[in-house]
């Protein structure tokens, strides 16, 4: 399931605590207007596409 599909199906939000170092790493991976949710979902999509077993 693609990130866009998940976002359309689930509109609720929750908090996830990450260390400051992790947040800074996410900042480097994202674009200027990309949310953390979008960055994380893009990473999950990439992982799922490249780890089919």
Protein backbone atom coordinates (compact mmCIF):
# COMPACT_ATOMS: atom_id res chain seq x y z
CA UNK A 1 0.00 0.00 0.00
CA UNK A 2 1.44 3.37 -0.99
CA UNK A 3 1.80 6.25 1.47
CA UNK A 4 -0.82 8.30 -0.37
CA UNK A 5 -3.37 5.52 0.07
CA UNK A 6 -2.62 5.21 3.77
CA UNK A 7 -2.93 8.95 4.29
CA UNK A 8 -6.31 9.00 2.57
CA UNK A 9 -7.63 6.12 4.68
CA UNK A 10 -6.36 7.30 8.06
CA UNK A 11 -6.79 10.94 8.98
CA UNK A 12 -5.93 10.58 12.67
CA UNK A 13 -2.54 11.71 13.92
CA UNK A 14 -0.32 10.52 16.74
CA UNK A 15 2.97 11.57 18.23
CA UNK A 16 6.17 9.61 17.91
CA UNK A 17 9.12 10.54 20.09
CA UNK A 18 12.50 10.50 18.36
CA UNK A 19 15.88 11.66 19.49
CA UNK A 20 17.07 15.05 18.28
CA UNK A 21 19.75 13.35 16.17
CA UNK A 22 17.03 11.33 14.38
CA UNK A 23 14.97 14.46 13.71
CA UNK A 24 18.02 16.17 12.24
CA UNK A 25 18.65 13.16 10.00
CA UNK A 26 15.03 13.28 8.80
CA UNK A 27 15.46 17.00 8.09
CA UNK A 28 18.40 16.21 5.81
CA UNK A 29 16.40 13.58 3.92
CA UNK A 30 13.38 15.78 3.33
CA UNK A 31 12.71 18.67 1.02
CA UNK A 32 11.92 22.16 2.27
CA UNK A 33 8.13 21.72 2.15
CA UNK A 34 7.94 18.03 3.06
CA UNK A 35 6.40 17.02 6.38
CA UNK A 36 7.94 14.41 8.67
CA UNK A 37 5.00 12.17 7.83
CA UNK A 38 5.80 12.45 4.12
CA UNK A 39 9.51 11.77 4.69
CA UNK A 40 8.83 8.72 6.85
CA UNK A 41 6.28 7.31 4.41
CA UNK A 42 8.66 7.84 1.47
CA UNK A 43 11.35 5.93 3.38
CA UNK A 44 8.92 3.11 4.22
CA UNK A 45 7.79 2.90 0.57
CA UNK A 46 11.43 2.69 -0.55
CA UNK A 47 12.17 -0.01 2.01
CA UNK A 48 9.13 -2.07 1.01
CA UNK A 49 9.95 -1.80 -2.70
CA UNK A 50 13.55 -2.92 -2.20
CA UNK A 51 13.01 -5.66 0.38
CA UNK A 52 10.50 -7.93 -1.29
CA UNK A 53 11.27 -11.39 -0.19
